[in-house]
Each structure stands twice: as C-alpha cells, then as structure tokens.
Amino acid sequence: VAAKQYTVPIAETVSAVKAGREVELTARTMHERKVFVVAAD
C-alpha cells in the first residue's frame, strides 16, 4: 500500500575510508537498505 526505502552508509566503511585504511568497496560493504512497508490486509 505504501513504502519508503532508506539508503544508509555503513559506518565502519566510512571510517576506514576517512582514515585511509584498506577496505573493500562494494555495494554491500558501502551501503545498506532499510525498507518500511504498509501491506494490504
């Protein structure tokens, strides 16, 4: 019936990039997705 999807950066990956540490940069390691759904009866 209704839905919102939030893109959320993964904090550990952000910290690693800022510090210059080696880190795997892929869709799964950089962001997670949170979905909130209103379903029909």
Full PDB file with SEQRES, HELIX, SHEET, SSBOND, CRYST1, ORIGX, SCALE, CONECT and MASTER records, all heavy atoms in Angstrom:
SEQRES   1 A   41  VAL ALA ALA LYS GLN TYR THR VAL PRO ILE ALA GLU THR          
SEQRES   2 A   41  VAL SER ALA VAL LYS ALA GLY ARG GLU VAL GLU LEU THR          
SEQRES   3 A   41  ALA ARG THR MET HIS GLU ARG LYS VAL PHE VAL VAL ALA          
SEQRES   4 A   41  ALA ASP                                                      
HELIX    1 AA1 ALA A   11  ALA A   19  1                                   9    
HELIX    2 AA2 ALA A   27  MET A   30  1                                   4    
SHEET    1 AA1 2 ALA A   2  PRO A   9  0                                        
SHEET    2 AA1 2 HIS A  31  VAL A  38 -1                                        
CRYST1    1.000    1.000    1.000  90.00  90.00  90.00 P 1           1          
ORIGX1      1.000000  0.000000  0.000000        0.00000                         
ORIGX2      0.000000  1.000000  0.000000        0.00000                         
ORIGX3      0.000000  0.000000  1.000000        0.00000                         
SCALE1      1.000000  0.000000  0.000000        0.00000                         
SCALE2      0.000000  1.000000  0.000000        0.00000                         
SCALE3      0.000000  0.000000  1.000000        0.00000                         
ATOM      1  N   VAL A   1       0.830  -1.203   0.000  1.00  0.00           N  
ATOM      2  CA  VAL A   1       0.000   0.000   0.000  1.00  0.00           C  
ATOM      3  C   VAL A   1       0.869   1.258   0.000  1.00  0.00           C  
ATOM      4  O   VAL A   1       0.590   2.234  -0.697  1.00  0.00           O  
ATOM      5  CB  VAL A   1      -0.941   0.004   1.228  1.00  0.00           C  
ATOM      6  CG1 VAL A   1      -1.732   1.306   1.307  1.00  0.00           C  
ATOM      7  CG2 VAL A   1      -1.870  -1.194   1.170  1.00  0.00           C  
ATOM      8  N   ALA A   2       1.928   1.248   0.797  1.00  0.00           N  
ATOM      9  CA  ALA A   2       2.848   2.385   0.894  1.00  0.00           C  
ATOM     10  C   ALA A   2       4.222   1.857   1.278  1.00  0.00           C  
ATOM     11  O   ALA A   2       4.339   0.795   1.904  1.00  0.00           O  
ATOM     12  CB  ALA A   2       2.364   3.399   1.923  1.00  0.00           C  
ATOM     13  N   ALA A   3       5.263   2.603   0.896  1.00  0.00           N  
ATOM     14  CA  ALA A   3       6.620   2.146   1.213  1.00  0.00           C  
ATOM     15  C   ALA A   3       7.607   3.298   1.132  1.00  0.00           C  
ATOM     16  O   ALA A   3       7.446   4.225   0.332  1.00  0.00           O  
ATOM     17  CB  ALA A   3       7.054   1.025   0.266  1.00  0.00           C  
ATOM     18  N   LYS A   4       8.606   3.241   1.991  1.00  0.00           N  
ATOM     19  CA  LYS A   4       9.758   4.151   1.931  1.00  0.00           C  
ATOM     20  C   LYS A   4      11.024   3.319   2.094  1.00  0.00           C  
ATOM     21  O   LYS A   4      11.078   2.425   2.934  1.00  0.00           O  
ATOM     22  CB  LYS A   4       9.702   5.193   3.061  1.00  0.00           C  
ATOM     23  CG  LYS A   4       8.781   6.377   2.803  1.00  0.00           C  
ATOM     24  CD  LYS A   4       9.422   7.394   1.881  1.00  0.00           C  
ATOM     25  CE  LYS A   4       8.470   8.568   1.599  1.00  0.00           C  
ATOM     26  NZ  LYS A   4       8.309   9.451   2.743  1.00  0.00           N  
ATOM     27  N   GLN A   5      12.023   3.633   1.265  1.00  0.00           N  
ATOM     28  CA  GLN A   5      13.301   2.931   1.361  1.00  0.00           C  
ATOM     29  C   GLN A   5      14.395   3.928   1.712  1.00  0.00           C  
ATOM     30  O   GLN A   5      14.522   4.980   1.084  1.00  0.00           O  
ATOM     31  CB  GLN A   5      13.642   2.230   0.047  1.00  0.00           C  
ATOM     32  CG  GLN A   5      14.881   1.367   0.122  1.00  0.00           C  
ATOM     33  CD  GLN A   5      16.147   2.113  -0.274  1.00  0.00           C  
ATOM     34  OE1 GLN A   5      16.234   2.703  -1.335  1.00  0.00           O  
ATOM     35  NE2 GLN A   5      17.147   2.104   0.592  1.00  0.00           N  
ATOM     36  N   TYR A   6      15.177   3.601   2.738  1.00  0.00           N  
ATOM     37  CA  TYR A   6      16.263   4.451   3.192  1.00  0.00           C  
ATOM     38  C   TYR A   6      17.607   3.806   2.834  1.00  0.00           C  
ATOM     39  O   TYR A   6      17.827   2.625   3.126  1.00  0.00           O  
ATOM     40  CB  TYR A   6      16.199   4.652   4.712  1.00  0.00           C  
ATOM     41  CG  TYR A   6      14.949   5.358   5.179  1.00  0.00           C  
ATOM     42  CD1 TYR A   6      13.780   4.642   5.419  1.00  0.00           C  
ATOM     43  CD2 TYR A   6      14.937   6.732   5.384  1.00  0.00           C  
ATOM     44  CE1 TYR A   6      12.623   5.286   5.857  1.00  0.00           C  
ATOM     45  CE2 TYR A   6      13.785   7.383   5.815  1.00  0.00           C  
ATOM     46  CZ  TYR A   6      12.638   6.654   6.051  1.00  0.00           C  
ATOM     47  OH  TYR A   6      11.501   7.294   6.480  1.00  0.00           O  
ATOM     48  N   THR A   7      18.467   4.598   2.229  1.00  0.00           N  
ATOM     49  CA  THR A   7      19.842   4.180   1.988  1.00  0.00           C  
ATOM     50  C   THR A   7      20.691   4.661   3.160  1.00  0.00           C  
ATOM     51  O   THR A   7      20.644   5.843   3.511  1.00  0.00           O  
ATOM     52  CB  THR A   7      20.374   4.781   0.671  1.00  0.00           C  
ATOM     53  OG1 THR A   7      19.562   4.308  -0.407  1.00  0.00           O  
ATOM     54  CG2 THR A   7      21.818   4.395   0.433  1.00  0.00           C  
ATOM     55  N   VAL A   8      21.468   3.742   3.758  1.00  0.00           N  
ATOM     56  CA  VAL A   8      22.238   4.066   4.955  1.00  0.00           C  
ATOM     57  C   VAL A   8      23.699   3.660   4.752  1.00  0.00           C  
ATOM     58  O   VAL A   8      23.988   2.485   4.489  1.00  0.00           O  
ATOM     59  CB  VAL A   8      21.677   3.334   6.192  1.00  0.00           C  
ATOM     60  CG1 VAL A   8      22.470   3.712   7.446  1.00  0.00           C  
ATOM     61  CG2 VAL A   8      20.196   3.657   6.377  1.00  0.00           C  
ATOM     62  N   PRO A   9      24.644   4.605   4.836  1.00  0.00           N  
ATOM     63  CA  PRO A   9      26.059   4.245   4.725  1.00  0.00           C  
ATOM     64  C   PRO A   9      26.472   3.335   5.878  1.00  0.00           C  
ATOM     65  O   PRO A   9      25.992   3.491   7.009  1.00  0.00           O  
ATOM     66  CB  PRO A   9      26.788   5.591   4.801  1.00  0.00           C  
ATOM     67  CG  PRO A   9      25.754   6.620   4.539  1.00  0.00           C  
ATOM     68  CD  PRO A   9      24.457   6.053   5.027  1.00  0.00           C  
ATOM     69  N   ILE A  10      27.373   2.415   5.616  1.00  0.00           N  
ATOM     70  CA  ILE A  10      27.887   1.540   6.659  1.00  0.00           C  
ATOM     71  C   ILE A  10      29.030   2.258   7.367  1.00  0.00           C  
ATOM     72  O   ILE A  10      30.052   2.588   6.759  1.00  0.00           O  
ATOM     73  CB  ILE A  10      28.335   0.196   6.063  1.00  0.00           C  
ATOM     74  CG1 ILE A  10      27.094  -0.523   5.494  1.00  0.00           C  
ATOM     75  CG2 ILE A  10      29.042  -0.663   7.111  1.00  0.00           C  
ATOM     76  CD1 ILE A  10      27.390  -1.823   4.790  1.00  0.00           C  
ATOM     77  N   ALA A  11      28.836   2.518   8.651  1.00  0.00           N  
ATOM     78  CA  ALA A  11      29.730   3.397   9.412  1.00  0.00           C  
ATOM     79  C   ALA A  11      31.168   2.907   9.398  1.00  0.00           C  
ATOM     80  O   ALA A  11      32.115   3.712   9.295  1.00  0.00           O  
ATOM     81  CB  ALA A  11      29.223   3.521  10.848  1.00  0.00           C  
ATOM     82  N   GLU A  12      31.374   1.590   9.521  1.00  0.00           N  
ATOM     83  CA  GLU A  12      32.739   1.057   9.558  1.00  0.00           C  
ATOM     84  C   GLU A  12      33.480   1.339   8.252  1.00  0.00           C  
ATOM     85  O   GLU A  12      34.680   1.656   8.269  1.00  0.00           O  
ATOM     86  CB  GLU A  12      32.710  -0.455   9.814  1.00  0.00           C  
ATOM     87  CG  GLU A  12      32.181  -0.851  11.186  1.00  0.00           C  
ATOM     88  CD  GLU A  12      30.658  -0.884  11.238  1.00  0.00           C  
ATOM     89  OE1 GLU A  12      30.009  -0.532  10.223  1.00  0.00           O  
ATOM     90  OE2 GLU A  12      30.120  -1.242  12.307  1.00  0.00           O  
ATOM     91  N   THR A  13      32.776   1.271   7.144  1.00  0.00           N  
ATOM     92  CA  THR A  13      33.413   1.545   5.848  1.00  0.00           C  
ATOM     93  C   THR A  13      33.738   3.022   5.703  1.00  0.00           C  
ATOM     94  O   THR A  13      34.808   3.398   5.211  1.00  0.00           O  
ATOM     95  CB  THR A  13      32.496   1.084   4.702  1.00  0.00           C  
ATOM     96  OG1 THR A  13      32.138  -0.280   4.897  1.00  0.00           O  
ATOM     97  CG2 THR A  13      33.207   1.226   3.365  1.00  0.00           C  
ATOM     98  N   VAL A  14      32.818   3.874   6.137  1.00  0.00           N  
ATOM     99  CA  VAL A  14      33.071   5.319   6.086  1.00  0.00           C  
ATOM    100  C   VAL A  14      34.314   5.665   6.910  1.00  0.00           C  
ATOM    101  O   VAL A  14      35.195   6.413   6.458  1.00  0.00           O  
ATOM    102  CB  VAL A  14      31.853   6.108   6.599  1.00  0.00           C  
ATOM    103  CG1 VAL A  14      32.174   7.605   6.655  1.00  0.00           C  
ATOM    104  CG2 VAL A  14      30.638   5.863   5.708  1.00  0.00           C  
ATOM    105  N   SER A  15      34.415   5.119   8.119  1.00  0.00           N  
ATOM    106  CA  SER A  15      35.565   5.396   8.987  1.00  0.00           C  
ATOM    107  C   SER A  15      36.862   4.915   8.356  1.00  0.00           C  
ATOM    108  O   SER A  15      37.890   5.601   8.433  1.00  0.00           O  
ATOM    109  CB  SER A  15      35.367   4.723  10.350  1.00  0.00           C  
ATOM    110  OG  SER A  15      34.238   5.256  11.016  1.00  0.00           O  
ATOM    111  N   ALA A  16      36.822   3.753   7.733  1.00  0.00           N  
ATOM    112  CA  ALA A  16      38.025   3.212   7.103  1.00  0.00           C  
ATOM    113  C   ALA A  16      38.495   4.090   5.949  1.00  0.00           C  
ATOM    114  O   ALA A  16      39.699   4.347   5.791  1.00  0.00           O  
ATOM    115  CB  ALA A  16      37.758   1.790   6.610  1.00  0.00           C  
ATOM    116  N   VAL A  17      37.551   4.583   5.143  1.00  0.00           N  
ATOM    117  CA  VAL A  17      37.910   5.447   4.016  1.00  0.00           C  
ATOM    118  C   VAL A  17      38.525   6.744   4.518  1.00  0.00           C  
ATOM    119  O   VAL A  17      39.547   7.220   4.000  1.00  0.00           O  
ATOM    120  CB  VAL A  17      36.674   5.722   3.138  1.00  0.00           C  
ATOM    121  CG1 VAL A  17      36.973   6.832   2.127  1.00  0.00           C  
ATOM    122  CG2 VAL A  17      36.238   4.456   2.416  1.00  0.00           C  
ATOM    123  N   LYS A  18      37.935   7.354   5.550  1.00  0.00           N  
ATOM    124  CA  LYS A  18      38.463   8.610   6.085  1.00  0.00           C  
ATOM    125  C   LYS A  18      39.871   8.434   6.648  1.00  0.00           C  
ATOM    126  O   LYS A  18      40.711   9.343   6.564  1.00  0.00           O  
ATOM    127  CB  LYS A  18      37.537   9.144   7.179  1.00  0.00           C  
ATOM    128  CG  LYS A  18      36.219   9.692   6.673  1.00  0.00           C  
ATOM    129  CD  LYS A  18      35.377  10.220   7.830  1.00  0.00           C  
ATOM    130  CE  LYS A  18      34.085  10.832   7.349  1.00  0.00           C  
ATOM    131  NZ  LYS A  18      33.253  11.336   8.469  1.00  0.00           N  
ATOM    132  N   ALA A  19      40.140   7.265   7.216  1.00  0.00           N  
ATOM    133  CA  ALA A  19      41.440   7.008   7.834  1.00  0.00           C  
ATOM    134  C   ALA A  19      42.468   6.502   6.837  1.00  0.00           C  
ATOM    135  O   ALA A  19      43.642   6.355   7.185  1.00  0.00           O  
ATOM    136  CB  ALA A  19      41.285   6.001   8.968  1.00  0.00           C  
ATOM    137  N   GLY A  20      42.039   6.230   5.609  1.00  0.00           N  
ATOM    138  CA  GLY A  20      42.973   5.734   4.610  1.00  0.00           C  
ATOM    139  C   GLY A  20      43.312   4.264   4.762  1.00  0.00           C  
ATOM    140  O   GLY A  20      44.318   3.797   4.217  1.00  0.00           O  
ATOM    141  N   ARG A  21      42.471   3.510   5.482  1.00  0.00           N  
ATOM    142  CA  ARG A  21      42.714   2.085   5.645  1.00  0.00           C  
ATOM    143  C   ARG A  21      42.185   1.307   4.438  1.00  0.00           C  
ATOM    144  O   ARG A  21      41.214   1.716   3.798  1.00  0.00           O  
ATOM    145  CB  ARG A  21      42.045   1.561   6.916  1.00  0.00           C  
ATOM    146  CG  ARG A  21      42.556   2.187   8.204  1.00  0.00           C  
ATOM    147  CD  ARG A  21      42.104   1.378   9.429  1.00  0.00           C  
ATOM    148  NE  ARG A  21      40.665   1.249   9.529  1.00  0.00           N  
ATOM    149  CZ  ARG A  21      39.889   2.117  10.183  1.00  0.00           C  
ATOM    150  NH1 ARG A  21      40.433   3.181  10.775  1.00  0.00           N  
ATOM    151  NH2 ARG A  21      38.579   1.930  10.248  1.00  0.00           N  
ATOM    152  N   GLU A  22      42.830   0.188   4.145  1.00  0.00           N  
ATOM    153  CA  GLU A  22      42.369  -0.676   3.071  1.00  0.00           C  
ATOM    154  C   GLU A  22      41.002  -1.243   3.434  1.00  0.00           C  
ATOM    155  O   GLU A  22      40.800  -1.769   4.525  1.00  0.00           O  
ATOM    156  CB  GLU A  22      43.359  -1.825   2.853  1.00  0.00           C  
ATOM    157  CG  GLU A  22      44.677  -1.392   2.227  1.00  0.00           C  
ATOM    158  CD  GLU A  22      44.520  -0.939   0.776  1.00  0.00           C  
ATOM    159  OE1 GLU A  22      43.625  -1.475   0.086  1.00  0.00           O  
ATOM    160  OE2 GLU A  22      45.259  -0.035   0.349  1.00  0.00           O  
ATOM    161  N   VAL A  23      40.043  -1.115   2.511  1.00  0.00           N  
ATOM    162  CA  VAL A  23      38.704  -1.613   2.771  1.00  0.00           C  
ATOM    163  C   VAL A  23      38.058  -1.976   1.441  1.00  0.00           C  
ATOM    164  O   VAL A  23      38.293  -1.329   0.421  1.00  0.00           O  
ATOM    165  CB  VAL A  23      37.852  -0.560   3.521  1.00  0.00           C  
ATOM    166  CG1 VAL A  23      37.681   0.705   2.688  1.00  0.00           C  
ATOM    167  CG2 VAL A  23      36.512  -1.131   3.922  1.00  0.00           C  
ATOM    168  N   GLU A  24      37.291  -3.039   1.453  1.00  0.00           N  
ATOM    169  CA  GLU A  24      36.576  -3.447   0.247  1.00  0.00           C  
ATOM    170  C   GLU A  24      35.420  -2.493  -0.002  1.00  0.00           C  
ATOM    171  O   GLU A  24      34.607  -2.224   0.886  1.00  0.00           O  
ATOM    172  CB  GLU A  24      36.037  -4.873   0.429  1.00  0.00           C  
ATOM    173  CG  GLU A  24      35.291  -5.401  -0.789  1.00  0.00           C  
ATOM    174  CD  GLU A  24      34.678  -6.767  -0.555  1.00  0.00           C  
ATOM    175  OE1 GLU A  24      34.394  -7.089   0.616  1.00  0.00           O  
ATOM    176  OE2 GLU A  24      34.474  -7.502  -1.541  1.00  0.00           O  
ATOM    177  N   LEU A  25      35.352  -1.971  -1.224  1.00  0.00           N  
ATOM    178  CA  LEU A  25      34.300  -1.028  -1.576  1.00  0.00           C  
ATOM    179  C   LEU A  25      33.375  -1.671  -2.616  1.00  0.00           C  
ATOM    180  O   LEU A  25      33.656  -1.682  -3.810  1.00  0.00           O  
ATOM    181  CB  LEU A  25      34.893   0.277  -2.118  1.00  0.00           C  
ATOM    182  CG  LEU A  25      35.729   1.098  -1.135  1.00  0.00           C  
ATOM    183  CD1 LEU A  25      36.336   2.309  -1.814  1.00  0.00           C  
ATOM    184  CD2 LEU A  25      34.892   1.519   0.071  1.00  0.00           C  
ATOM    185  N   THR A  26      32.284  -2.220  -2.131  1.00  0.00           N  
ATOM    186  CA  THR A  26      31.265  -2.806  -2.986  1.00  0.00           C  
ATOM    187  C   THR A  26      29.909  -2.268  -2.551  1.00  0.00           C  
ATOM    188  O   THR A  26      29.786  -1.611  -1.508  1.00  0.00           O  
ATOM    189  CB  THR A  26      31.252  -4.341  -2.876  1.00  0.00           C  
ATOM    190  OG1 THR A  26      30.848  -4.710  -1.541  1.00  0.00           O  
ATOM    191  CG2 THR A  26      32.638  -4.929  -3.169  1.00  0.00           C  
ATOM    192  N   ALA A  27      28.894  -2.550  -3.337  1.00  0.00           N  
ATOM    193  CA  ALA A  27      27.546  -2.116  -2.956  1.00  0.00           C  
ATOM    194  C   ALA A  27      27.196  -2.600  -1.553  1.00  0.00           C  
ATOM    195  O   ALA A  27      26.680  -1.842  -0.724  1.00  0.00           O  
ATOM    196  CB  ALA A  27      26.528  -2.648  -3.963  1.00  0.00           C  
ATOM    197  N   ARG A  28      27.524  -3.859  -1.251  1.00  0.00           N  
ATOM    198  CA  ARG A  28      27.131  -4.436   0.029  1.00  0.00           C  
ATOM    199  C   ARG A  28      27.957  -3.899   1.194  1.00  0.00           C  
ATOM    200  O   ARG A  28      27.456  -3.779   2.318  1.00  0.00           O  
ATOM    201  CB  ARG A  28      27.247  -5.961  -0.033  1.00  0.00           C  
ATOM    202  CG  ARG A  28      26.512  -6.676   1.097  1.00  0.00           C  
ATOM    203  CD  ARG A  28      26.542  -8.187   0.878  1.00  0.00           C  
ATOM    204  NE  ARG A  28      25.904  -8.589  -0.357  1.00  0.00           N  
ATOM    205  CZ  ARG A  28      24.596  -8.770  -0.513  1.00  0.00           C  
ATOM    206  NH1 ARG A  28      23.779  -8.583   0.520  1.00  0.00           N  
ATOM    207  NH2 ARG A  28      24.088  -9.131  -1.675  1.00  0.00           N  
ATOM    208  N   THR A  29      29.214  -3.559   0.953  1.00  0.00           N  
ATOM    209  CA  THR A  29      30.055  -3.085   2.056  1.00  0.00           C  
ATOM    210  C   THR A  29      29.925  -1.585   2.292  1.00  0.00           C  
ATOM    211  O   THR A  29      30.304  -1.099   3.352  1.00  0.00           O  
ATOM    212  CB  THR A  29      31.535  -3.412   1.800  1.00  0.00           C  
ATOM    213  OG1 THR A  29      31.989  -2.705   0.632  1.00  0.00           O  
ATOM    214  CG2 THR A  29      31.750  -4.909   1.618  1.00  0.00           C  
ATOM    215  N   MET A  30      29.366  -0.841   1.319  1.00  0.00           N  
ATOM    216  CA  MET A  30      29.278   0.611   1.446  1.00  0.00           C  
ATOM    217  C   MET A  30      27.932   1.096   1.984  1.00  0.00           C  
ATOM    218  O   MET A  30      27.881   2.080   2.718  1.00  0.00           O  
ATOM    219  CB  MET A  30      29.559   1.279   0.093  1.00  0.00           C  
ATOM    220  CG  MET A  30      30.999   1.128  -0.381  1.00  0.00           C  
ATOM    221  SD  MET A  30      31.259   1.891  -1.990  1.00  0.00           S  
ATOM    222  CE  MET A  30      31.071   3.636  -1.585  1.00  0.00           C  
ATOM    223  N   HIS A  31      26.853   0.425   1.602  1.00  0.00           N  
ATOM    224  CA  HIS A  31      25.521   0.888   1.991  1.00  0.00           C  
ATOM    225  C   HIS A  31      24.617  -0.287   2.341  1.00  0.00           C  
ATOM    226  O   HIS A  31      24.780  -1.387   1.802  1.00  0.00           O  
ATOM    227  CB  HIS A  31      24.849   1.670   0.851  1.00  0.00           C  
ATOM    228  CG  HIS A  31      25.577   2.897   0.421  1.00  0.00           C  
ATOM    229  ND1 HIS A  31      26.516   2.896  -0.585  1.00  0.00           N  
ATOM    230  CD2 HIS A  31      25.516   4.172   0.868  1.00  0.00           C  
ATOM    231  CE1 HIS A  31      26.997   4.118  -0.752  1.00  0.00           C  
ATOM    232  NE2 HIS A  31      26.402   4.914   0.121  1.00  0.00           N  
ATOM    233  N   GLU A  32      23.671  -0.030   3.224  1.00  0.00           N  
ATOM    234  CA  GLU A  32      22.590  -0.981   3.464  1.00  0.00           C  
ATOM    235  C   GLU A  32      21.277  -0.294   3.140  1.00  0.00           C  
ATOM    236  O   GLU A  32      21.193   0.931   3.084  1.00  0.00           O  
ATOM    237  CB  GLU A  32      22.591  -1.481   4.907  1.00  0.00           C  
ATOM    238  CG  GLU A  32      22.385  -0.404   5.953  1.00  0.00           C  
ATOM    239  CD  GLU A  32      22.389  -0.974   7.373  1.00  0.00           C  
ATOM    240  OE1 GLU A  32      21.855  -2.077   7.565  1.00  0.00           O  
ATOM    241  OE2 GLU A  32      22.925  -0.298   8.271  1.00  0.00           O  
ATOM    242  N   ARG A  33      20.247  -1.116   2.935  1.00  0.00           N  
ATOM    243  CA  ARG A  33      18.944  -0.566   2.578  1.00  0.00           C  
ATOM    244  C   ARG A  33      17.908  -1.010   3.606  1.00  0.00           C  
ATOM    245  O   ARG A  33      17.812  -2.193   3.930  1.00  0.00           O  
ATOM    246  CB  ARG A  33      18.545  -1.006   1.173  1.00  0.00           C  
ATOM    247  CG  ARG A  33      19.548  -0.528   0.114  1.00  0.00           C  
ATOM    248  CD  ARG A  33      18.942  -0.551  -1.269  1.00  0.00           C  
ATOM    249  NE  ARG A  33      19.876  -0.104  -2.295  1.00  0.00           N  
ATOM    250  CZ  ARG A  33      20.122   1.159  -2.605  1.00  0.00           C  
ATOM    251  NH1 ARG A  33      19.501   2.124  -1.942  1.00  0.00           N  
ATOM    252  NH2 ARG A  33      20.973   1.471  -3.564  1.00  0.00           N  
ATOM    253  N   LYS A  34      17.156  -0.017   4.108  1.00  0.00           N  
ATOM    254  CA  LYS A  34      16.101  -0.292   5.073  1.00  0.00           C  
ATOM    255  C   LYS A  34      14.765   0.105   4.455  1.00  0.00           C  
ATOM    256  O   LYS A  34      14.592   1.245   4.013  1.00  0.00           O  
ATOM    257  CB  LYS A  34      16.350   0.478   6.376  1.00  0.00           C  
ATOM    258  CG  LYS A  34      17.648   0.064   7.083  1.00  0.00           C  
ATOM    259  CD  LYS A  34      17.819   0.791   8.410  1.00  0.00           C  
ATOM    260  CE  LYS A  34      19.081   0.332   9.130  1.00  0.00           C  
ATOM    261  NZ  LYS A  34      19.253   1.000  10.442  1.00  0.00           N  
ATOM    262  N   VAL A  35      13.836  -0.859   4.424  1.00  0.00           N  
ATOM    263  CA  VAL A  35      12.555  -0.646   3.756  1.00  0.00           C  
ATOM    264  C   VAL A  35      11.424  -0.750   4.774  1.00  0.00           C  
ATOM    265  O   VAL A  35      11.363  -1.716   5.551  1.00  0.00           O  
ATOM    266  CB  VAL A  35      12.332  -1.688   2.647  1.00  0.00           C  
ATOM    267  CG1 VAL A  35      11.102  -1.328   1.824  1.00  0.00           C  
ATOM    268  CG2 VAL A  35      13.563  -1.790   1.741  1.00  0.00           C  
ATOM    269  N   PHE A  36      10.542   0.244   4.772  1.00  0.00           N  
ATOM    270  CA  PHE A  36       9.370   0.245   5.641  1.00  0.00           C  
ATOM    271  C   PHE A  36       8.129   0.152   4.756  1.00  0.00           C  
ATOM    272  O   PHE A  36       7.955   0.965   3.835  1.00  0.00           O  
ATOM    273  CB  PHE A  36       9.345   1.497   6.512  1.00  0.00           C  
ATOM    274  CG  PHE A  36      10.478   1.536   7.503  1.00  0.00           C  
ATOM    275  CD1 PHE A  36      11.723   2.020   7.138  1.00  0.00           C  
ATOM    276  CD2 PHE A  36      10.300   1.057   8.791  1.00  0.00           C  
ATOM    277  CE1 PHE A  36      12.785   2.036   8.042  1.00  0.00           C  
ATOM    278  CE2 PHE A  36      11.353   1.072   9.704  1.00  0.00           C  
ATOM    279  CZ  PHE A  36      12.595   1.557   9.325  1.00  0.00           C  
ATOM    280  N   VAL A  37       7.300  -0.843   5.041  1.00  0.00           N  
ATOM    281  CA  VAL A  37       6.199  -1.188   4.142  1.00  0.00           C  
ATOM    282  C   VAL A  37       4.873  -1.235   4.901  1.00  0.00           C  
ATOM    283  O   VAL A  37       4.795  -1.795   6.001  1.00  0.00           O  
ATOM    284  CB  VAL A  37       6.445  -2.569   3.484  1.00  0.00           C  
ATOM    285  CG1 VAL A  37       5.255  -2.971   2.620  1.00  0.00           C  
ATOM    286  CG2 VAL A  37       7.726  -2.543   2.659  1.00  0.00           C  
ATOM    287  N   VAL A  38       3.849  -0.649   4.308  1.00  0.00           N  
ATOM    288  CA  VAL A  38       2.473  -0.859   4.744  1.00  0.00           C  
ATOM    289  C   VAL A  38       1.862  -1.856   3.769  1.00  0.00           C  
ATOM    290  O   VAL A  38       1.772  -1.582   2.563  1.00  0.00           O  
ATOM    291  CB  VAL A  38       1.660   0.444   4.736  1.00  0.00           C  
ATOM    292  CG1 VAL A  38       0.214   0.169   5.161  1.00  0.00           C  
ATOM    293  CG2 VAL A  38       2.299   1.483   5.648  1.00  0.00           C  
ATOM    294  N   ALA A  39       1.476  -3.016   4.274  1.00  0.00           N  
ATOM    295  CA  ALA A  39       0.913  -4.063   3.427  1.00  0.00           C  
ATOM    296  C   ALA A  39      -0.608  -4.029   3.468  1.00  0.00           C  
ATOM    297  O   ALA A  39      -1.219  -3.637   4.471  1.00  0.00           O  
ATOM    298  CB  ALA A  39       1.412  -5.429   3.880  1.00  0.00           C  
ATOM    299  N   ALA A  40      -1.199  -4.436   2.374  1.00  0.00           N  
ATOM    300  CA  ALA A  40      -2.656  -4.529   2.321  1.00  0.00           C  
ATOM    301  C   ALA A  40      -3.138  -5.638   3.258  1.00  0.00           C  
ATOM    302  O   ALA A  40      -2.413  -6.597   3.544  1.00  0.00           O  
ATOM    303  CB  ALA A  40      -3.100  -4.809   0.895  1.00  0.00           C  
ATOM    304  N   ASP A  41      -4.363  -5.504   3.736  1.00  0.00           N  
ATOM    305  CA  ASP A  41      -4.942  -6.544   4.576  1.00  0.00           C  
ATOM    306  C   ASP A  41      -4.949  -7.878   3.832  1.00  0.00           C  
ATOM    307  O   ASP A  41      -5.404  -7.952   2.680  1.00  0.00           O  
ATOM    308  CB  ASP A  41      -6.375  -6.180   4.968  1.00  0.00           C  
ATOM    309  CG  ASP A  41      -6.438  -4.989   5.915  1.00  0.00           C  
ATOM    310  OD1 ASP A  41      -5.409  -4.698   6.545  1.00  0.00           O  
ATOM    311  OD2 ASP A  41      -7.512  -4.358   5.999  1.00  0.00           O  
TER     312      ASP A  41                                                      
MASTER        0    0    0    2    2    0    0    6  311    1    0    4          
END                                                                             
